[in-house]
């Protein structure tokens, strides 16, 4: 019962705060391939089905250093791939993405977010628990661009992030959240960002 309650709380908190966190960090994240089959399957679908071009992000070393210092909201590892020049039909995009997001994931993953805005923006997010941590895979498609994000983070620190959201020195609650006049550091000094290229077997089991 306690595990189910915790899962429900995590899912509710994810909808707003994690979406904001992930796509705020995405532009500052070094590009690389993740090893997960889910990530690969989604990226392959976007690249082949929509004839998209993968974008190389410049200044990767600077982005890696910046993210490693900031350590936003208990994030322990994440990968981002950006695509441009997508060629798709707006009539079939949503159904196609729902299908690939369903087929690419095992039953351990749960769909927690599906958004279709009137302006054409679409967001899809799946989640699974991994010990004390949570893994997510999110996709954002807007106009002819797509961002695919895979992340592992500590949900308890994500809750603290919601109370006083701050990324790269910018207080996000001034723009996107009501209430709260200050921000605070939510990452302990011993926390660290792990890029999955360098992640050890021991880290993966935590």
N, C-alpha and C. Protein backbone atom coordinates (compact mmCIF):
# COMPACT_ATOMS: atom_id res chain seq x y z
N UNK A 1 0.83 -1.21 0.00
CA UNK A 1 0.00 0.00 0.00
C UNK A 1 0.86 1.26 0.00
N UNK A 2 1.91 1.25 0.86
CA UNK A 2 2.78 2.42 0.92
C UNK A 2 3.49 2.64 -0.40
N UNK A 3 3.91 1.54 -1.03
CA UNK A 3 4.59 1.64 -2.33
C UNK A 3 3.66 2.21 -3.38
N UNK A 4 2.40 1.79 -3.35
CA UNK A 4 1.43 2.29 -4.33
C UNK A 4 1.15 3.77 -4.11
N UNK A 5 1.06 4.19 -2.83
CA UNK A 5 0.83 5.60 -2.51
C UNK A 5 1.99 6.45 -2.98
N UNK A 6 3.22 5.95 -2.74
CA UNK A 6 4.40 6.69 -3.18
C UNK A 6 4.42 6.84 -4.68
N UNK A 7 4.05 5.79 -5.38
CA UNK A 7 4.04 5.82 -6.84
C UNK A 7 3.04 6.86 -7.35
N UNK A 8 1.87 6.92 -6.71
CA UNK A 8 0.85 7.89 -7.10
C UNK A 8 1.33 9.31 -6.90
N UNK A 9 1.98 9.57 -5.76
CA UNK A 9 2.50 10.90 -5.47
C UNK A 9 3.56 11.30 -6.49
N UNK A 10 4.45 10.36 -6.79
CA UNK A 10 5.51 10.64 -7.76
C UNK A 10 4.93 10.98 -9.12
N UNK A 11 3.92 10.23 -9.55
CA UNK A 11 3.32 10.47 -10.85
C UNK A 11 2.67 11.85 -10.92
N UNK A 12 1.99 12.25 -9.86
CA UNK A 12 1.35 13.56 -9.85
C UNK A 12 2.38 14.67 -9.90
N UNK A 13 3.46 14.51 -9.15
CA UNK A 13 4.49 15.54 -9.13
C UNK A 13 5.23 15.65 -10.45
N UNK A 14 5.35 14.54 -11.15
CA UNK A 14 6.09 14.53 -12.41
C UNK A 14 5.45 15.37 -13.49
N UNK A 15 4.16 15.38 -13.55
CA UNK A 15 3.45 15.95 -14.69
C UNK A 15 3.88 17.37 -15.00
N UNK A 16 3.96 18.22 -13.95
CA UNK A 16 4.34 19.61 -14.18
C UNK A 16 5.83 19.82 -14.02
N UNK A 17 6.37 19.42 -12.88
CA UNK A 17 7.74 19.79 -12.55
C UNK A 17 8.79 19.11 -13.41
N UNK A 18 8.64 17.83 -13.69
CA UNK A 18 9.65 17.13 -14.47
C UNK A 18 9.65 17.58 -15.92
N UNK A 19 8.46 17.84 -16.46
CA UNK A 19 8.40 18.35 -17.83
C UNK A 19 9.16 19.66 -17.93
N UNK A 20 8.95 20.54 -16.97
CA UNK A 20 9.66 21.82 -16.94
C UNK A 20 11.15 21.60 -16.79
N UNK A 21 11.54 20.72 -15.88
CA UNK A 21 12.95 20.47 -15.64
C UNK A 21 13.66 19.90 -16.85
N UNK A 22 13.10 18.86 -17.42
CA UNK A 22 13.77 18.16 -18.52
C UNK A 22 13.96 19.05 -19.72
N UNK A 23 12.91 19.75 -20.13
CA UNK A 23 13.03 20.55 -21.34
C UNK A 23 13.71 21.89 -21.11
N UNK A 24 13.86 22.29 -19.84
CA UNK A 24 14.68 23.45 -19.53
C UNK A 24 16.15 23.08 -19.64
N UNK A 25 16.48 21.85 -19.21
CA UNK A 25 17.87 21.39 -19.25
C UNK A 25 18.29 20.94 -20.63
N UNK A 26 17.34 20.56 -21.46
CA UNK A 26 17.67 19.89 -22.72
C UNK A 26 18.60 20.70 -23.61
N UNK A 27 18.40 22.00 -23.65
CA UNK A 27 19.20 22.83 -24.53
C UNK A 27 20.64 22.95 -24.06
N UNK A 28 20.90 22.58 -22.81
CA UNK A 28 22.24 22.71 -22.25
C UNK A 28 22.93 21.36 -22.09
N UNK A 29 22.31 20.31 -22.62
CA UNK A 29 22.80 18.96 -22.39
C UNK A 29 23.61 18.45 -23.56
N UNK A 30 24.77 17.80 -23.32
CA UNK A 30 25.56 17.25 -24.41
C UNK A 30 24.83 16.13 -25.12
N UNK A 31 24.96 16.10 -26.42
CA UNK A 31 24.32 15.07 -27.23
C UNK A 31 25.10 13.77 -27.16
N UNK A 32 24.39 12.66 -27.03
CA UNK A 32 25.04 11.34 -27.06
C UNK A 32 23.97 10.29 -27.20
N UNK A 33 24.39 9.10 -27.57
CA UNK A 33 23.45 7.99 -27.71
C UNK A 33 23.29 7.27 -26.39
N UNK A 34 22.06 7.00 -25.99
CA UNK A 34 21.81 6.20 -24.80
C UNK A 34 21.80 4.73 -25.18
N UNK A 35 22.08 3.87 -24.19
CA UNK A 35 22.16 2.45 -24.49
C UNK A 35 20.80 1.77 -24.41
N UNK A 36 19.80 2.43 -23.78
CA UNK A 36 18.51 1.80 -23.59
C UNK A 36 17.79 1.53 -24.89
N UNK A 37 17.16 0.36 -24.99
CA UNK A 37 16.46 -0.01 -26.22
C UNK A 37 15.26 0.89 -26.46
N UNK A 38 14.64 1.39 -25.38
CA UNK A 38 13.48 2.27 -25.54
C UNK A 38 13.90 3.58 -26.22
N UNK A 39 14.98 4.14 -25.72
CA UNK A 39 15.49 5.38 -26.29
C UNK A 39 15.85 5.18 -27.76
N UNK A 40 16.54 4.09 -28.04
CA UNK A 40 16.95 3.80 -29.41
C UNK A 40 15.75 3.61 -30.33
N UNK A 41 14.72 2.92 -29.84
CA UNK A 41 13.54 2.65 -30.66
C UNK A 41 12.79 3.93 -31.01
N UNK A 42 12.66 4.82 -30.03
CA UNK A 42 11.96 6.08 -30.28
C UNK A 42 12.75 6.95 -31.25
N UNK A 43 14.07 7.03 -31.03
CA UNK A 43 14.91 7.83 -31.93
C UNK A 43 14.90 7.27 -33.35
N UNK A 44 14.94 5.96 -33.47
CA UNK A 44 14.92 5.33 -34.79
C UNK A 44 13.62 5.64 -35.52
N UNK A 45 12.51 5.59 -34.79
CA UNK A 45 11.21 5.89 -35.40
C UNK A 45 11.18 7.31 -35.93
N UNK A 46 11.62 8.25 -35.13
CA UNK A 46 11.60 9.66 -35.54
C UNK A 46 12.52 9.88 -36.74
N UNK A 47 13.68 9.27 -36.71
CA UNK A 47 14.66 9.48 -37.78
C UNK A 47 14.21 8.85 -39.09
N UNK A 48 13.68 7.64 -39.03
CA UNK A 48 13.33 6.92 -40.26
C UNK A 48 11.94 7.26 -40.76
N UNK A 49 10.97 7.26 -39.87
CA UNK A 49 9.59 7.51 -40.27
C UNK A 49 9.38 8.94 -40.75
N UNK A 50 10.01 9.89 -40.06
CA UNK A 50 9.80 11.30 -40.38
C UNK A 50 10.99 11.93 -41.09
N UNK A 51 11.95 11.10 -41.49
CA UNK A 51 13.12 11.56 -42.25
C UNK A 51 13.81 12.73 -41.57
N UNK A 52 13.93 12.62 -40.26
CA UNK A 52 14.49 13.71 -39.47
C UNK A 52 16.02 13.67 -39.46
N UNK A 53 16.61 14.83 -39.23
CA UNK A 53 18.06 14.94 -39.14
C UNK A 53 18.47 15.16 -37.69
N UNK A 54 19.42 14.34 -37.24
CA UNK A 54 19.91 14.47 -35.87
C UNK A 54 20.82 15.70 -35.77
N UNK A 55 20.64 16.46 -34.71
CA UNK A 55 21.38 17.71 -34.53
C UNK A 55 22.58 17.48 -33.62
N UNK A 56 23.72 17.98 -34.04
CA UNK A 56 24.91 17.94 -33.20
C UNK A 56 24.96 19.22 -32.38
N UNK A 57 25.04 19.05 -31.05
CA UNK A 57 25.03 20.20 -30.16
C UNK A 57 26.46 20.69 -29.95
N UNK A 58 26.74 21.97 -30.24
CA UNK A 58 28.09 22.51 -30.08
C UNK A 58 28.46 22.71 -28.60
N UNK A 59 29.75 22.90 -28.35
CA UNK A 59 30.25 23.18 -27.00
C UNK A 59 29.82 22.11 -26.00
N UNK A 60 29.96 20.84 -26.39
CA UNK A 60 29.52 19.75 -25.52
C UNK A 60 30.27 19.73 -24.20
N UNK A 61 31.58 19.99 -24.24
CA UNK A 61 32.36 19.94 -23.01
C UNK A 61 31.89 21.00 -22.03
N UNK A 62 31.49 22.17 -22.55
CA UNK A 62 31.01 23.24 -21.68
C UNK A 62 29.67 22.87 -21.07
N UNK A 63 28.81 22.27 -21.89
CA UNK A 63 27.51 21.84 -21.38
C UNK A 63 27.67 20.76 -20.33
N UNK A 64 28.58 19.82 -20.58
CA UNK A 64 28.81 18.73 -19.62
C UNK A 64 29.27 19.30 -18.28
N UNK A 65 30.18 20.26 -18.32
CA UNK A 65 30.69 20.86 -17.10
C UNK A 65 29.59 21.62 -16.36
N UNK A 66 28.77 22.36 -17.12
CA UNK A 66 27.71 23.16 -16.50
C UNK A 66 26.68 22.29 -15.81
N UNK A 67 26.24 21.23 -16.49
CA UNK A 67 25.24 20.35 -15.90
C UNK A 67 25.82 19.61 -14.70
N UNK A 68 27.09 19.22 -14.78
CA UNK A 68 27.71 18.53 -13.66
C UNK A 68 27.79 19.38 -12.41
N UNK A 69 27.95 20.69 -12.59
CA UNK A 69 28.02 21.60 -11.46
C UNK A 69 26.64 21.87 -10.88
N UNK A 70 25.66 22.05 -11.74
CA UNK A 70 24.32 22.42 -11.28
C UNK A 70 23.60 21.27 -10.60
N UNK A 71 23.69 20.07 -11.16
CA UNK A 71 23.03 18.88 -10.61
C UNK A 71 21.56 19.15 -10.32
N UNK A 72 20.76 19.44 -11.30
CA UNK A 72 19.39 19.89 -11.05
C UNK A 72 18.48 18.80 -10.52
N UNK A 73 17.79 19.09 -9.43
CA UNK A 73 16.68 18.29 -8.91
C UNK A 73 17.00 16.81 -8.73
N UNK A 74 18.19 16.48 -8.29
CA UNK A 74 18.51 15.10 -8.02
C UNK A 74 18.70 14.24 -9.25
N UNK A 75 18.86 14.85 -10.42
CA UNK A 75 19.07 14.07 -11.64
C UNK A 75 20.42 13.37 -11.57
N UNK A 76 20.43 12.06 -11.80
CA UNK A 76 21.67 11.28 -11.71
C UNK A 76 22.26 10.96 -13.07
N UNK A 77 21.44 10.84 -14.07
CA UNK A 77 21.95 10.61 -15.43
C UNK A 77 20.88 10.99 -16.42
N UNK A 78 21.30 11.49 -17.56
CA UNK A 78 20.33 11.73 -18.62
C UNK A 78 21.00 11.90 -19.97
N UNK A 79 20.22 11.66 -21.00
CA UNK A 79 20.67 11.77 -22.38
C UNK A 79 19.65 12.57 -23.17
N UNK A 80 20.12 13.29 -24.13
CA UNK A 80 19.23 14.08 -24.98
C UNK A 80 19.65 13.93 -26.43
N UNK A 81 18.68 13.70 -27.30
CA UNK A 81 18.92 13.74 -28.74
C UNK A 81 17.90 14.68 -29.36
N UNK A 82 18.38 15.56 -30.22
CA UNK A 82 17.51 16.55 -30.87
C UNK A 82 17.45 16.26 -32.37
N UNK A 83 16.25 16.32 -32.91
CA UNK A 83 16.02 16.12 -34.35
C UNK A 83 15.36 17.37 -34.94
N UNK A 84 15.67 17.62 -36.21
CA UNK A 84 15.04 18.72 -36.94
C UNK A 84 14.59 18.25 -38.32
N UNK A 85 13.81 19.09 -38.95
CA UNK A 85 13.31 18.83 -40.31
C UNK A 85 12.43 17.58 -40.37
N UNK A 86 11.59 17.39 -39.35
CA UNK A 86 10.66 16.27 -39.37
C UNK A 86 9.62 16.48 -40.46
N UNK A 87 9.31 15.42 -41.17
CA UNK A 87 8.30 15.45 -42.23
C UNK A 87 7.20 14.46 -41.85
N UNK A 88 6.09 14.97 -41.32
CA UNK A 88 5.03 14.08 -40.85
C UNK A 88 3.65 14.68 -41.16
N UNK A 89 2.64 13.84 -41.05
CA UNK A 89 1.26 14.27 -41.20
C UNK A 89 0.67 14.54 -39.83
N UNK A 90 0.12 15.71 -39.63
CA UNK A 90 -0.48 16.04 -38.34
C UNK A 90 -1.68 15.15 -38.03
N UNK A 91 -2.25 14.54 -39.06
CA UNK A 91 -3.41 13.67 -38.86
C UNK A 91 -3.02 12.32 -38.25
N UNK A 92 -1.79 11.89 -38.48
CA UNK A 92 -1.37 10.56 -38.01
C UNK A 92 -0.26 10.59 -36.97
N UNK A 93 0.34 11.75 -36.74
CA UNK A 93 1.49 11.82 -35.83
C UNK A 93 1.16 11.30 -34.44
N UNK A 94 0.05 11.74 -33.88
CA UNK A 94 -0.28 11.36 -32.50
C UNK A 94 -0.48 9.85 -32.37
N UNK A 95 -1.21 9.26 -33.28
CA UNK A 95 -1.46 7.82 -33.20
C UNK A 95 -0.17 7.03 -33.41
N UNK A 96 0.69 7.52 -34.30
CA UNK A 96 1.97 6.84 -34.54
C UNK A 96 2.88 6.92 -33.32
N UNK A 97 2.91 8.08 -32.68
CA UNK A 97 3.75 8.23 -31.50
C UNK A 97 3.21 7.41 -30.34
N UNK A 98 1.91 7.35 -30.19
CA UNK A 98 1.33 6.52 -29.14
C UNK A 98 1.70 5.06 -29.34
N UNK A 99 1.69 4.63 -30.59
CA UNK A 99 2.03 3.24 -30.90
C UNK A 99 3.48 2.93 -30.58
N UNK A 100 4.39 3.79 -31.02
CA UNK A 100 5.81 3.53 -30.78
C UNK A 100 6.13 3.65 -29.29
N UNK A 101 5.48 4.57 -28.58
CA UNK A 101 5.71 4.72 -27.15
C UNK A 101 5.15 3.53 -26.38
N UNK A 102 4.21 2.85 -26.96
CA UNK A 102 3.64 1.66 -26.33
C UNK A 102 4.47 0.41 -26.64
N UNK A 103 4.82 0.24 -27.90
CA UNK A 103 5.53 -0.97 -28.33
C UNK A 103 6.98 -1.02 -27.87
N UNK A 104 7.60 0.14 -27.69
CA UNK A 104 9.03 0.17 -27.37
C UNK A 104 9.32 -0.11 -25.90
N UNK A 105 8.28 -0.09 -25.06
CA UNK A 105 8.50 -0.19 -23.63
C UNK A 105 7.96 -1.50 -23.05
N UNK A 106 8.65 -1.99 -22.03
CA UNK A 106 8.20 -3.20 -21.32
C UNK A 106 7.08 -2.82 -20.36
N UNK A 107 6.38 -3.82 -19.79
CA UNK A 107 5.29 -3.53 -18.85
C UNK A 107 5.72 -2.78 -17.60
N UNK A 108 7.03 -2.76 -17.32
CA UNK A 108 7.52 -2.03 -16.14
C UNK A 108 7.35 -0.53 -16.29
N UNK A 109 7.23 -0.08 -17.52
CA UNK A 109 7.07 1.35 -17.79
C UNK A 109 5.59 1.72 -17.81
N UNK A 110 5.29 2.93 -17.32
CA UNK A 110 3.91 3.42 -17.32
C UNK A 110 3.84 4.75 -18.06
N UNK A 111 2.86 4.93 -18.95
CA UNK A 111 2.66 6.24 -19.58
C UNK A 111 2.06 7.20 -18.56
N UNK A 112 2.70 8.33 -18.33
CA UNK A 112 2.21 9.27 -17.33
C UNK A 112 1.85 10.63 -17.91
N UNK A 113 2.18 10.85 -19.16
CA UNK A 113 1.90 12.17 -19.73
C UNK A 113 1.70 12.07 -21.23
N UNK A 114 0.59 12.62 -21.70
CA UNK A 114 0.31 12.75 -23.13
C UNK A 114 -0.32 14.12 -23.34
N UNK A 115 0.35 14.98 -24.08
CA UNK A 115 -0.15 16.35 -24.30
C UNK A 115 -0.20 16.65 -25.78
N UNK A 116 -1.32 17.19 -26.22
CA UNK A 116 -1.47 17.71 -27.58
C UNK A 116 -2.06 19.11 -27.47
N UNK A 117 -1.26 20.12 -27.79
CA UNK A 117 -1.75 21.49 -27.67
C UNK A 117 -2.41 21.93 -28.97
N UNK A 118 -3.18 22.98 -28.87
CA UNK A 118 -3.86 23.51 -30.05
C UNK A 118 -2.88 24.09 -31.06
N UNK A 119 -1.66 24.36 -30.60
CA UNK A 119 -0.64 24.92 -31.48
C UNK A 119 0.22 23.83 -32.13
N UNK A 120 -0.11 22.57 -31.86
CA UNK A 120 0.61 21.49 -32.51
C UNK A 120 1.71 20.85 -31.69
N UNK A 121 1.99 21.40 -30.51
CA UNK A 121 3.02 20.81 -29.65
C UNK A 121 2.51 19.50 -29.05
N UNK A 122 3.38 18.48 -29.04
CA UNK A 122 3.01 17.18 -28.49
C UNK A 122 4.11 16.69 -27.56
N UNK A 123 3.69 16.19 -26.39
CA UNK A 123 4.64 15.68 -25.39
C UNK A 123 4.18 14.31 -24.92
N UNK A 124 5.13 13.38 -24.85
CA UNK A 124 4.86 12.02 -24.39
C UNK A 124 5.90 11.67 -23.33
N UNK A 125 5.45 11.06 -22.24
CA UNK A 125 6.39 10.70 -21.18
C UNK A 125 6.01 9.36 -20.55
N UNK A 126 6.99 8.46 -20.43
CA UNK A 126 6.82 7.18 -19.74
C UNK A 126 7.76 7.13 -18.55
N UNK A 127 7.38 6.34 -17.52
CA UNK A 127 8.16 6.29 -16.30
C UNK A 127 8.23 4.87 -15.76
N UNK A 128 9.34 4.56 -15.07
CA UNK A 128 9.45 3.31 -14.32
C UNK A 128 10.31 3.54 -13.09
N UNK A 129 10.02 2.79 -12.02
CA UNK A 129 10.82 2.88 -10.81
C UNK A 129 12.07 2.02 -10.95
N UNK A 130 13.16 2.50 -10.35
CA UNK A 130 14.44 1.78 -10.37
C UNK A 130 15.07 1.89 -9.00
N UNK A 131 14.67 1.01 -8.08
CA UNK A 131 15.14 1.12 -6.71
C UNK A 131 14.60 2.38 -6.06
N UNK A 132 15.49 3.20 -5.51
CA UNK A 132 15.08 4.46 -4.91
C UNK A 132 14.92 5.57 -5.94
N UNK A 133 15.29 5.27 -7.16
CA UNK A 133 15.25 6.26 -8.22
C UNK A 133 14.09 6.01 -9.18
N UNK A 134 13.89 6.94 -10.07
CA UNK A 134 12.85 6.84 -11.10
C UNK A 134 13.49 7.13 -12.45
N UNK A 135 13.13 6.34 -13.45
CA UNK A 135 13.60 6.58 -14.82
C UNK A 135 12.44 7.09 -15.66
N UNK A 136 12.72 8.04 -16.52
CA UNK A 136 11.70 8.55 -17.43
C UNK A 136 12.27 8.62 -18.84
N UNK A 137 11.39 8.54 -19.80
CA UNK A 137 11.74 8.84 -21.18
C UNK A 137 10.66 9.78 -21.71
N UNK A 138 11.08 10.93 -22.18
CA UNK A 138 10.14 11.94 -22.64
C UNK A 138 10.45 12.36 -24.06
N UNK A 139 9.40 12.66 -24.80
CA UNK A 139 9.53 13.13 -26.19
C UNK A 139 8.70 14.39 -26.35
N UNK A 140 9.30 15.41 -26.92
CA UNK A 140 8.58 16.64 -27.24
C UNK A 140 8.72 16.91 -28.72
N UNK A 141 7.59 17.09 -29.40
CA UNK A 141 7.58 17.40 -30.83
C UNK A 141 6.86 18.73 -31.03
N UNK A 142 7.51 19.64 -31.70
CA UNK A 142 6.91 20.95 -31.97
C UNK A 142 7.35 21.42 -33.35
N UNK A 143 6.38 21.70 -34.19
CA UNK A 143 6.64 22.05 -35.59
C UNK A 143 7.47 20.95 -36.24
N UNK A 144 8.67 21.25 -36.72
CA UNK A 144 9.48 20.22 -37.38
C UNK A 144 10.66 19.80 -36.52
N UNK A 145 10.56 19.98 -35.21
CA UNK A 145 11.64 19.62 -34.31
C UNK A 145 11.16 18.62 -33.25
N UNK A 146 12.08 17.79 -32.77
CA UNK A 146 11.77 16.82 -31.72
C UNK A 146 12.94 16.71 -30.76
N UNK A 147 12.63 16.54 -29.48
CA UNK A 147 13.63 16.31 -28.45
C UNK A 147 13.27 15.01 -27.73
N UNK A 148 14.23 14.11 -27.62
CA UNK A 148 14.02 12.86 -26.89
C UNK A 148 14.96 12.87 -25.68
N UNK A 149 14.39 12.66 -24.50
CA UNK A 149 15.16 12.74 -23.26
C UNK A 149 14.97 11.46 -22.45
N UNK A 150 16.08 10.94 -21.95
CA UNK A 150 16.04 9.81 -21.02
C UNK A 150 16.76 10.23 -19.76
N UNK A 151 16.14 10.02 -18.58
CA UNK A 151 16.74 10.50 -17.33
C UNK A 151 16.48 9.54 -16.19
N UNK A 152 17.41 9.56 -15.22
CA UNK A 152 17.22 8.85 -13.96
C UNK A 152 17.43 9.86 -12.84
N UNK A 153 16.52 9.89 -11.86
CA UNK A 153 16.60 10.92 -10.84
C UNK A 153 16.02 10.41 -9.52
N UNK A 154 16.26 11.18 -8.47
CA UNK A 154 15.74 10.90 -7.14
C UNK A 154 14.42 11.64 -6.97
N UNK A 155 13.28 10.93 -6.80
CA UNK A 155 11.98 11.59 -6.74
C UNK A 155 11.80 12.48 -5.52
N UNK A 156 12.48 12.16 -4.41
CA UNK A 156 12.35 12.98 -3.21
C UNK A 156 12.90 14.38 -3.45
N UNK A 157 14.02 14.45 -4.16
CA UNK A 157 14.60 15.76 -4.45
C UNK A 157 13.80 16.49 -5.51
N UNK A 158 13.10 15.74 -6.34
CA UNK A 158 12.24 16.38 -7.32
C UNK A 158 11.10 17.11 -6.63
N UNK A 159 10.59 16.53 -5.54
CA UNK A 159 9.53 17.19 -4.78
C UNK A 159 10.05 18.51 -4.20
N UNK A 160 11.28 18.49 -3.69
CA UNK A 160 11.88 19.72 -3.17
C UNK A 160 12.07 20.74 -4.29
N UNK A 161 12.40 20.23 -5.47
CA UNK A 161 12.56 21.12 -6.63
C UNK A 161 11.26 21.83 -6.94
N UNK A 162 10.14 21.13 -6.79
CA UNK A 162 8.84 21.74 -7.06
C UNK A 162 8.58 22.92 -6.15
N UNK A 163 9.02 22.81 -4.90
CA UNK A 163 8.76 23.86 -3.92
C UNK A 163 9.52 25.13 -4.26
N UNK A 164 10.75 24.98 -4.74
CA UNK A 164 11.57 26.13 -5.09
C UNK A 164 12.37 25.82 -6.35
N UNK A 165 11.73 25.81 -7.51
CA UNK A 165 12.42 25.42 -8.74
C UNK A 165 13.46 26.44 -9.19
N UNK A 166 14.66 25.94 -9.45
CA UNK A 166 15.74 26.81 -9.89
C UNK A 166 16.69 26.01 -10.75
N UNK A 167 17.00 26.51 -11.93
CA UNK A 167 17.92 25.85 -12.85
C UNK A 167 18.88 26.88 -13.41
N UNK A 168 20.16 26.56 -13.37
CA UNK A 168 21.20 27.46 -13.89
C UNK A 168 21.07 28.87 -13.32
N UNK A 169 20.74 28.94 -12.01
CA UNK A 169 20.65 30.22 -11.35
C UNK A 169 19.39 30.99 -11.61
N UNK A 170 18.45 30.42 -12.37
CA UNK A 170 17.21 31.11 -12.72
C UNK A 170 16.07 30.54 -11.89
N UNK A 171 15.36 31.39 -11.16
CA UNK A 171 14.23 30.96 -10.36
C UNK A 171 13.02 30.76 -11.27
N UNK A 172 12.68 29.50 -11.54
CA UNK A 172 11.60 29.20 -12.47
C UNK A 172 10.23 29.54 -11.90
N UNK A 173 10.12 29.61 -10.57
CA UNK A 173 8.81 29.92 -10.01
C UNK A 173 8.40 31.36 -10.27
N UNK A 174 9.33 32.22 -10.64
CA UNK A 174 8.98 33.60 -10.98
C UNK A 174 8.15 33.66 -12.24
N UNK A 175 8.28 32.62 -13.10
CA UNK A 175 7.61 32.63 -14.38
C UNK A 175 6.52 31.58 -14.46
N UNK A 176 6.77 30.40 -13.92
CA UNK A 176 5.90 29.26 -14.16
C UNK A 176 5.16 28.74 -12.95
N UNK A 177 5.52 29.19 -11.73
CA UNK A 177 4.89 28.66 -10.54
C UNK A 177 4.34 29.81 -9.69
N UNK A 178 3.23 29.54 -8.99
CA UNK A 178 2.65 30.51 -8.08
C UNK A 178 3.22 30.27 -6.69
N UNK A 179 3.50 31.37 -5.99
CA UNK A 179 3.95 31.26 -4.61
C UNK A 179 5.43 30.99 -4.52
N UNK A 180 5.97 31.27 -3.30
CA UNK A 180 7.39 31.00 -3.09
C UNK A 180 8.22 32.18 -3.52
N UNK A 181 8.92 32.82 -2.54
CA UNK A 181 9.71 34.00 -2.85
C UNK A 181 11.19 33.71 -2.96
N UNK A 182 11.59 32.51 -2.62
CA UNK A 182 13.01 32.22 -2.63
C UNK A 182 13.28 30.85 -3.21
N UNK A 183 14.53 30.62 -3.52
CA UNK A 183 14.94 29.30 -4.01
C UNK A 183 16.03 28.77 -3.10
N UNK A 184 16.22 27.47 -3.11
CA UNK A 184 17.26 26.89 -2.28
C UNK A 184 17.94 25.76 -3.02
N UNK A 185 19.14 25.46 -2.61
CA UNK A 185 19.87 24.37 -3.23
C UNK A 185 19.27 23.04 -2.77
N UNK A 186 19.03 22.14 -3.71
CA UNK A 186 18.39 20.88 -3.35
C UNK A 186 19.30 19.70 -3.57
N UNK A 187 20.51 19.93 -4.03
CA UNK A 187 21.44 18.83 -4.29
C UNK A 187 22.50 18.78 -3.19
N UNK A 188 22.72 17.62 -2.61
CA UNK A 188 23.78 17.46 -1.64
C UNK A 188 25.12 17.48 -2.35
N UNK A 189 26.17 17.84 -1.63
CA UNK A 189 27.48 17.98 -2.26
C UNK A 189 28.02 16.66 -2.79
N UNK A 190 27.52 15.54 -2.25
CA UNK A 190 28.00 14.24 -2.70
C UNK A 190 27.26 13.72 -3.91
N UNK A 191 26.16 14.39 -4.29
CA UNK A 191 25.43 13.97 -5.48
C UNK A 191 26.24 14.28 -6.72
N UNK A 192 26.01 13.52 -7.78
CA UNK A 192 26.75 13.77 -9.01
C UNK A 192 25.92 13.33 -10.20
N UNK A 193 26.14 13.99 -11.30
CA UNK A 193 25.51 13.60 -12.56
C UNK A 193 26.34 12.48 -13.18
N UNK A 194 25.70 11.42 -13.62
CA UNK A 194 26.39 10.32 -14.31
C UNK A 194 25.91 10.27 -15.74
N UNK A 195 26.80 10.47 -16.69
CA UNK A 195 26.45 10.31 -18.09
C UNK A 195 26.55 8.84 -18.44
N UNK A 196 25.56 8.30 -19.09
CA UNK A 196 25.44 6.87 -19.22
C UNK A 196 26.59 6.24 -20.01
N UNK A 197 27.32 7.02 -20.75
CA UNK A 197 28.51 6.49 -21.41
C UNK A 197 29.54 6.04 -20.38
N UNK A 198 29.53 6.72 -19.21
CA UNK A 198 30.53 6.45 -18.18
C UNK A 198 29.96 5.70 -17.00
N UNK A 199 28.69 5.37 -17.02
CA UNK A 199 28.03 4.76 -15.88
C UNK A 199 28.50 3.32 -15.68
N UNK A 200 28.84 2.98 -14.45
CA UNK A 200 29.32 1.64 -14.13
C UNK A 200 28.17 0.73 -13.81
N UNK A 201 28.44 -0.58 -13.76
CA UNK A 201 27.41 -1.55 -13.40
C UNK A 201 26.88 -1.29 -12.00
N UNK A 202 27.77 -0.85 -11.09
CA UNK A 202 27.35 -0.56 -9.73
C UNK A 202 26.37 0.59 -9.69
N UNK A 203 26.64 1.62 -10.50
CA UNK A 203 25.76 2.77 -10.56
C UNK A 203 24.41 2.38 -11.11
N UNK A 204 24.37 1.50 -12.10
CA UNK A 204 23.12 1.11 -12.72
C UNK A 204 22.23 0.35 -11.76
N UNK A 205 22.82 -0.31 -10.75
CA UNK A 205 22.05 -1.10 -9.81
C UNK A 205 21.50 -0.27 -8.67
N UNK A 206 21.99 0.95 -8.50
CA UNK A 206 21.53 1.80 -7.40
C UNK A 206 20.14 2.34 -7.69
